[in-house]
Amino acid sequence: MRRSDLHKIVREAAEALPGSGMSHPFGPEYEVWKVRGKVFALLTDLADGPIVVIKSDPEDSRALRETYADITPGYHMNKKHWITLRPGPSIDNSLAQELVTESYRLVVMGLPRAQRPIDPDNFAATAQ
């Protein structure tokens, strides 16, 4: 994935998710995507390029970091539950979109049922 594409692909994926919204609670350099007030994606630029920080199941997080060179522990987040995506040859558009959707689904699962904009148990299958 090219450097210029990472934020664009993630932004488009996040915008398409029910009940999601973007804000800048940490300043204009951080684009924060939330569902019902809970963060599921953070986009920013570091000195070495753009990054995206998203929620991940701890076991999946470890496997993703071992499999993809461009996935590292969550930048300024809990390293067990968050991962960082960097543009590079090991990440393609489909993987980035899938990981954003999974991050969103994980956050929705933690919401009270009455606040969930989707059924997280069935959403991944229908979101594709």
Protein backbone atom coordinates (compact mmCIF):
# COMPACT_ATOMS: atom_id res chain seq x y z
CA MET A 1 0.00 0.00 0.00
CA ARG A 2 1.29 3.46 -0.86
CA ARG A 3 1.78 6.03 1.87
CA SER A 4 -0.87 8.32 0.43
CA ASP A 5 -3.51 5.57 0.34
CA LEU A 6 -3.59 4.35 3.96
CA HIS A 7 -5.59 7.19 5.50
CA LYS A 8 -7.90 7.42 2.48
CA ILE A 9 -8.79 3.70 2.57
CA VAL A 10 -9.30 3.67 6.35
CA ARG A 11 -11.32 6.89 6.29
CA GLU A 12 -13.65 5.50 3.60
CA ALA A 13 -14.09 2.24 5.52
CA ALA A 14 -14.83 4.08 8.79
CA GLU A 15 -17.30 6.47 7.15
CA ALA A 16 -19.34 3.52 5.85
CA LEU A 17 -19.86 1.97 9.29
CA PRO A 18 -23.26 2.58 10.96
CA GLY A 19 -23.19 5.16 13.75
CA SER A 20 -19.55 6.10 13.24
CA GLY A 21 -18.27 9.65 13.40
CA MET A 22 -14.99 11.52 13.30
CA SER A 23 -13.68 14.17 15.68
CA HIS A 24 -10.41 15.80 16.74
CA PRO A 25 -10.35 15.44 20.56
CA PHE A 26 -6.54 15.31 20.70
CA GLY A 27 -5.93 18.21 18.31
CA PRO A 28 -6.18 18.72 14.55
CA GLU A 29 -3.35 16.29 13.81
CA TYR A 30 -5.35 13.31 15.16
CA GLU A 31 -8.43 12.09 13.31
CA VAL A 32 -10.39 9.96 15.78
CA TRP A 33 -13.20 7.67 14.64
CA LYS A 34 -15.78 6.65 17.24
CA VAL A 35 -18.99 4.70 17.52
CA ARG A 36 -21.32 5.79 20.33
CA GLY A 37 -18.47 7.75 21.90
CA LYS A 38 -15.95 4.87 21.89
CA VAL A 39 -12.78 5.03 19.77
CA PHE A 40 -12.23 2.37 17.12
CA ALA A 41 -9.65 4.10 14.88
CA LEU A 42 -7.09 6.88 15.17
CA LEU A 43 -5.33 8.37 12.13
CA THR A 44 -2.28 10.61 12.33
CA ASP A 45 1.06 11.32 10.73
CA LEU A 46 4.41 10.69 12.39
CA ALA A 47 7.82 11.84 11.19
CA ASP A 48 8.19 8.62 9.19
CA GLY A 49 4.69 8.74 7.65
CA PRO A 50 1.00 8.08 8.21
CA ILE A 51 -0.25 5.55 10.75
CA VAL A 52 -3.61 4.11 11.75
CA VAL A 53 -4.20 2.74 15.25
CA ILE A 54 -7.09 0.30 15.62
CA LYS A 55 -8.49 -2.09 18.21
CA SER A 56 -7.68 -5.78 17.85
CA ASP A 57 -8.41 -8.98 19.74
CA PRO A 58 -5.25 -9.78 21.76
CA GLU A 59 -4.67 -13.15 20.08
CA ASP A 60 -5.35 -11.73 16.63
CA SER A 61 -3.11 -8.78 17.43
CA ARG A 62 -0.15 -11.03 18.14
CA ALA A 63 -0.75 -13.10 14.99
CA LEU A 64 -1.11 -9.98 12.84
CA ARG A 65 2.14 -8.50 14.15
CA GLU A 66 3.95 -11.78 13.46
CA THR A 67 2.48 -12.11 9.95
CA TYR A 68 2.60 -8.55 8.60
CA ALA A 69 5.75 -6.44 8.77
CA ASP A 70 3.70 -3.24 8.54
CA ILE A 71 1.61 -4.01 11.65
CA THR A 72 3.13 -3.12 15.01
CA PRO A 73 1.87 -2.67 18.60
CA GLY A 74 -0.59 0.20 19.13
CA TYR A 75 1.07 3.62 19.08
CA HIS A 76 0.41 5.32 22.46
CA MET A 77 -2.28 2.72 23.23
CA ASN A 78 -2.55 -0.53 25.16
CA LYS A 79 -0.18 -2.82 23.23
CA LYS A 80 -2.32 -5.88 23.96
CA HIS A 81 -5.57 -4.51 22.52
CA TRP A 82 -4.43 -2.06 19.82
CA ILE A 83 -2.30 -2.33 16.68
CA THR A 84 -0.70 0.22 14.39
CA LEU A 85 -0.92 -0.04 10.60
CA ARG A 86 1.77 1.59 8.49
CA PRO A 87 1.69 1.80 4.71
CA GLY A 88 3.87 -0.84 3.13
CA PRO A 89 3.93 -3.90 0.91
CA SER A 90 2.45 -6.28 3.49
CA ILE A 91 -0.85 -4.37 3.79
CA ASP A 92 -3.35 -4.06 0.97
CA ASN A 93 -6.67 -2.20 0.75
CA SER A 94 -8.73 -5.27 1.59
CA LEU A 95 -6.76 -6.06 4.76
CA ALA A 96 -6.94 -2.44 5.95
CA GLN A 97 -10.72 -2.35 5.40
CA GLU A 98 -11.19 -5.70 7.15
CA LEU A 99 -9.16 -4.58 10.17
CA VAL A 100 -11.12 -1.33 10.50
CA THR A 101 -14.40 -3.26 10.38
CA GLU A 102 -13.14 -5.72 12.99
CA SER A 103 -12.01 -2.86 15.26
CA TYR A 104 -15.45 -1.28 14.97
CA ARG A 105 -17.15 -4.63 15.67
CA LEU A 106 -15.01 -5.19 18.79
CA VAL A 107 -15.94 -1.75 20.15
CA VAL A 108 -19.64 -2.30 19.41
CA MET A 109 -19.50 -5.64 21.27
CA GLY A 110 -18.50 -3.72 24.40
CA LEU A 111 -21.50 -1.38 24.22
CA PRO A 112 -24.75 -2.04 26.05
CA ARG A 113 -27.15 -3.85 23.69
CA ALA A 114 -29.51 -0.88 23.52
CA GLN A 115 -26.71 1.37 22.21
CA ARG A 116 -25.39 -1.00 19.52
CA PRO A 117 -26.02 0.31 15.99
CA ILE A 118 -25.50 -3.23 14.62
CA ASP A 119 -25.48 -6.82 15.83
CA PRO A 120 -21.74 -7.46 16.23
CA ASP A 121 -22.17 -11.23 16.05
CA ASN A 122 -23.58 -11.03 12.51
CA PHE A 123 -22.09 -7.81 11.18
CA ALA A 124 -18.75 -9.07 9.79
CA ALA A 125 -20.51 -11.58 7.54
CA THR A 126 -22.91 -8.97 6.13
CA ALA A 127 -20.46 -6.05 5.94
CA GLN A 128 -18.45 -7.52 3.07
